[in-house]
């Protein structure tokens, strides 16, 4: 979802050239269709194989699937793909701030996001230490609770039109997940972060917009 909507939004509203990346042929095909006529291109490959250099790198909803043993490599690749002067990385991800909070729950691991792992903030800090400057760290986790409420509402409204395509188990599975996720963000157990990183500190600083 983020691949097609973000590339479309950036190219259409900010007139920038956008390169999107995914390992899913279906996502790439859909994104190409949506952005037809806009300055967008898409790479069907593992992100670690990208060799191009960019002014900005944006990662949305992907870091939760990298795995903490791969954080260092993830940031090394992003560093390599950014130009030296004023190149910035925006990392948008779910996270946890308490060490006692597990990085995954058994339900989501089994039914929704196999092998997904919610990053602990200190693991991110350790992975970027010595290579990045933190320009901004924005937490708006409670807003994500409201997003999940809207997703459940939309799911309920659309279910009658798609229920014949799925078993009742599918409906129960996603309702449970959406409500479980709502609870974690409502209680602030999970956070939602947008972290802006630069390679060596932006000259004049970074202007954070709230």
Protein backbone atom coordinates (compact mmCIF):
# COMPACT_ATOMS: atom_id res chain seq x y z
CA UNK A 1 0.00 0.00 0.00
CA UNK A 2 2.70 2.49 0.98
CA UNK A 3 4.67 1.83 -2.21
CA UNK A 4 1.90 2.90 -4.56
CA UNK A 5 0.32 5.68 -2.49
CA UNK A 6 3.52 7.36 -1.32
CA UNK A 7 5.21 7.36 -4.72
CA UNK A 8 2.01 8.73 -6.29
CA UNK A 9 1.63 11.45 -3.65
CA UNK A 10 5.24 12.61 -3.82
CA UNK A 11 5.44 12.67 -7.60
CA UNK A 12 2.06 14.34 -8.10
CA UNK A 13 2.23 16.96 -5.36
CA UNK A 14 5.94 17.74 -5.13
CA UNK A 15 7.00 17.14 -8.76
CA UNK A 16 9.94 14.96 -7.73
CA UNK A 17 11.34 11.88 -9.40
CA UNK A 18 10.56 8.85 -7.26
CA UNK A 19 12.08 5.37 -7.25
CA UNK A 20 10.09 2.70 -5.44
CA UNK A 21 11.32 -0.72 -4.41
CA UNK A 22 9.62 -4.01 -3.58
CA UNK A 23 10.13 -7.77 -3.86
CA UNK A 24 6.46 -8.18 -4.83
CA UNK A 25 5.61 -8.34 -8.54
CA UNK A 26 1.98 -7.57 -7.75
CA UNK A 27 2.84 -4.41 -5.81
CA UNK A 28 5.15 -3.21 -8.57
CA UNK A 29 2.50 -3.80 -11.24
CA UNK A 30 -0.17 -1.95 -9.25
CA UNK A 31 2.15 0.94 -8.46
CA UNK A 32 3.10 1.33 -12.14
CA UNK A 33 -0.57 1.46 -13.10
CA UNK A 34 -1.40 4.06 -10.45
CA UNK A 35 1.54 6.34 -11.26
CA UNK A 36 1.29 6.16 -15.04
CA UNK A 37 2.38 9.47 -16.54
CA UNK A 38 4.28 10.52 -13.40
CA UNK A 39 8.09 10.54 -12.99
CA UNK A 40 8.20 7.25 -11.10
CA UNK A 41 10.08 4.03 -11.63
CA UNK A 42 10.08 0.80 -9.63
CA UNK A 43 12.76 -1.72 -8.83
CA UNK A 44 11.80 -5.36 -8.34
CA UNK A 45 14.65 -6.50 -6.13
CA UNK A 46 15.93 -6.90 -2.61
CA UNK A 47 16.62 -3.43 -1.19
CA UNK A 48 20.19 -4.50 -0.42
CA UNK A 49 20.85 -4.83 -4.15
CA UNK A 50 20.05 -1.19 -4.95
CA UNK A 51 23.14 0.64 -6.23
CA UNK A 52 21.71 4.06 -7.11
CA UNK A 53 22.28 7.25 -5.09
CA UNK A 54 19.40 9.47 -3.98
CA UNK A 55 18.74 12.85 -2.36
CA UNK A 56 16.30 11.29 0.11
CA UNK A 57 15.45 7.79 1.26
CA UNK A 58 12.08 6.99 2.84
CA UNK A 59 11.21 3.71 4.53
CA UNK A 60 7.57 3.28 5.55
CA UNK A 61 6.22 0.18 7.29
CA UNK A 62 9.14 -1.97 6.17
CA UNK A 63 11.61 -1.81 9.06
CA UNK A 64 9.34 -4.03 11.16
CA UNK A 65 10.16 -6.85 8.75
CA UNK A 66 13.95 -6.42 8.68
CA UNK A 67 14.72 -8.21 11.94
CA UNK A 68 17.02 -6.79 14.60
CA UNK A 69 19.99 -8.88 13.45
CA UNK A 70 19.84 -6.98 10.16
CA UNK A 71 19.44 -3.41 11.44
CA UNK A 72 23.11 -2.54 10.98
CA UNK A 73 23.08 -3.68 7.37
CA UNK A 74 19.82 -1.85 6.70
CA UNK A 75 21.31 1.46 7.80
CA UNK A 76 24.55 0.76 5.94
CA UNK A 77 22.59 0.29 2.72
CA UNK A 78 20.61 3.50 3.32
CA UNK A 79 23.86 5.37 4.00
CA UNK A 80 25.40 4.04 0.80
CA UNK A 81 22.37 5.05 -1.24
CA UNK A 82 22.28 8.64 0.03
CA UNK A 83 24.33 11.48 -1.34
CA UNK A 84 26.79 12.94 1.15
CA UNK A 85 25.61 16.55 1.26
CA UNK A 86 22.18 16.99 2.94
CA UNK A 87 21.09 13.43 2.16
CA UNK A 88 18.44 12.40 4.69
CA UNK A 89 16.66 9.21 5.68
CA UNK A 90 13.09 9.16 6.97
CA UNK A 91 12.34 5.97 8.88
CA UNK A 92 8.65 5.44 9.62
CA UNK A 93 8.02 2.42 11.82
CA UNK A 94 6.17 0.96 14.77
CA UNK A 95 8.35 0.61 17.85
CA UNK A 96 8.52 -0.19 21.53
CA UNK A 97 10.18 1.91 24.22
CA UNK A 98 10.10 -0.56 27.13
CA UNK A 99 12.49 -3.49 27.25
CA UNK A 100 9.86 -5.72 28.88
CA UNK A 101 7.51 -5.23 25.91
CA UNK A 102 7.97 -8.11 23.44
CA UNK A 103 8.81 -7.28 19.84
CA UNK A 104 6.04 -9.51 18.55
CA UNK A 105 2.96 -11.33 19.75
CA UNK A 106 2.15 -14.95 18.97
CA UNK A 107 -1.14 -14.12 17.28
CA UNK A 108 0.27 -11.64 14.73
CA UNK A 109 3.30 -13.85 14.20
CA UNK A 110 1.08 -16.81 13.29
CA UNK A 111 -1.71 -15.18 11.31
CA UNK A 112 -0.75 -11.71 10.06
CA UNK A 113 2.97 -10.92 9.86
CA UNK A 114 5.10 -14.08 10.10
CA UNK A 115 8.60 -13.21 11.35
CA UNK A 116 7.64 -9.57 11.89
CA UNK A 117 9.48 -7.87 14.75
CA UNK A 118 8.70 -4.51 16.38
CA UNK A 119 12.00 -2.65 16.96
CA UNK A 120 13.14 -1.60 20.41
CA UNK A 121 14.37 1.98 20.41
CA UNK A 122 17.80 1.18 21.85
CA UNK A 123 18.40 -1.39 19.11
CA UNK A 124 17.85 1.38 16.57
CA UNK A 125 20.24 3.68 18.43
CA UNK A 126 22.93 1.00 18.57
CA UNK A 127 22.58 0.33 14.84
CA UNK A 128 23.02 4.01 13.87
CA UNK A 129 25.69 4.91 16.42
CA UNK A 130 28.74 6.43 14.79
CA UNK A 131 27.14 6.65 11.33
CA UNK A 132 24.08 8.89 11.63
CA UNK A 133 22.87 12.08 13.29
CA UNK A 134 19.32 11.99 14.69
CA UNK A 135 17.71 15.16 13.33
CA UNK A 136 14.21 14.39 14.60
CA UNK A 137 12.29 11.62 16.39
CA UNK A 138 8.53 12.12 16.24
CA UNK A 139 6.15 9.83 18.14
CA UNK A 140 2.49 9.87 17.20
CA UNK A 141 1.40 6.44 18.35
CA UNK A 142 -2.02 7.45 19.66
CA UNK A 143 -2.93 8.77 16.23
CA UNK A 144 -2.29 5.29 14.86
CA UNK A 145 -4.91 3.98 17.29
CA UNK A 146 -7.42 6.25 15.54
CA UNK A 147 -6.22 5.00 12.15
CA UNK A 148 -6.81 1.38 13.22
CA UNK A 149 -10.31 2.27 14.39
CA UNK A 150 -11.02 3.71 10.94
CA UNK A 151 -9.57 0.60 9.27
CA UNK A 152 -11.88 -1.65 11.29
CA UNK A 153 -14.87 0.52 10.39
CA UNK A 154 -13.97 0.33 6.68
CA UNK A 155 -13.42 -3.42 6.96
CA UNK A 156 -16.87 -3.89 8.49
CA UNK A 157 -18.51 -1.74 5.83
CA UNK A 158 -16.82 -3.58 2.95
CA UNK A 159 -17.16 -7.09 4.36
CA UNK A 160 -20.64 -7.83 2.88
CA UNK A 161 -19.25 -7.24 -0.63
CA UNK A 162 -16.27 -9.58 -0.19
CA UNK A 163 -17.44 -12.18 2.32
CA UNK A 164 -18.20 -14.73 -0.40
CA UNK A 165 -14.51 -14.68 -1.36
CA UNK A 166 -13.34 -15.66 2.12
CA UNK A 167 -14.04 -18.14 4.88
CA UNK A 168 -15.54 -16.86 8.15
CA UNK A 169 -12.15 -17.51 9.74
CA UNK A 170 -10.68 -14.70 7.65
CA UNK A 171 -13.16 -12.21 9.08
CA UNK A 172 -12.48 -13.29 12.66
CA UNK A 173 -8.73 -13.27 12.09
CA UNK A 174 -8.62 -9.68 10.86
CA UNK A 175 -11.16 -8.35 13.36
CA UNK A 176 -9.08 -9.84 16.16
CA UNK A 177 -5.88 -8.37 14.77
CA UNK A 178 -7.30 -4.87 14.29
CA UNK A 179 -8.74 -4.80 17.80
CA UNK A 180 -5.54 -6.21 19.30
CA UNK A 181 -3.53 -3.53 17.50
CA UNK A 182 -5.92 -0.82 18.66
CA UNK A 183 -5.40 -1.90 22.26
CA UNK A 184 -1.60 -1.75 22.01
CA UNK A 185 -1.62 1.78 20.62
CA UNK A 186 -4.44 3.04 22.85
CA UNK A 187 -2.49 1.95 25.93
CA UNK A 188 0.72 3.37 24.40
CA UNK A 189 2.39 -0.05 24.61
CA UNK A 190 3.36 0.30 20.95
CA UNK A 191 4.53 3.59 19.45
CA UNK A 192 4.62 4.95 15.92
CA UNK A 193 7.80 6.80 15.04
CA UNK A 194 9.08 8.98 12.24
CA UNK A 195 12.84 9.28 12.64
CA UNK A 196 14.81 11.68 10.46
CA UNK A 197 18.51 10.86 10.11
CA UNK A 198 21.34 12.62 8.30
CA UNK A 199 24.79 11.28 7.49
CA UNK A 200 26.79 14.02 9.20
CA UNK A 201 24.33 16.60 10.48
CA UNK A 202 22.42 19.03 8.24
CA UNK A 203 23.99 22.44 7.88
CA UNK A 204 21.75 24.94 9.63
CA UNK A 205 19.83 22.14 11.33
CA UNK A 206 16.59 20.37 10.48
CA UNK A 207 13.24 22.13 10.60
CA UNK A 208 10.72 19.81 12.17
CA UNK A 209 7.11 20.31 11.08
CA UNK A 210 4.37 19.19 13.46
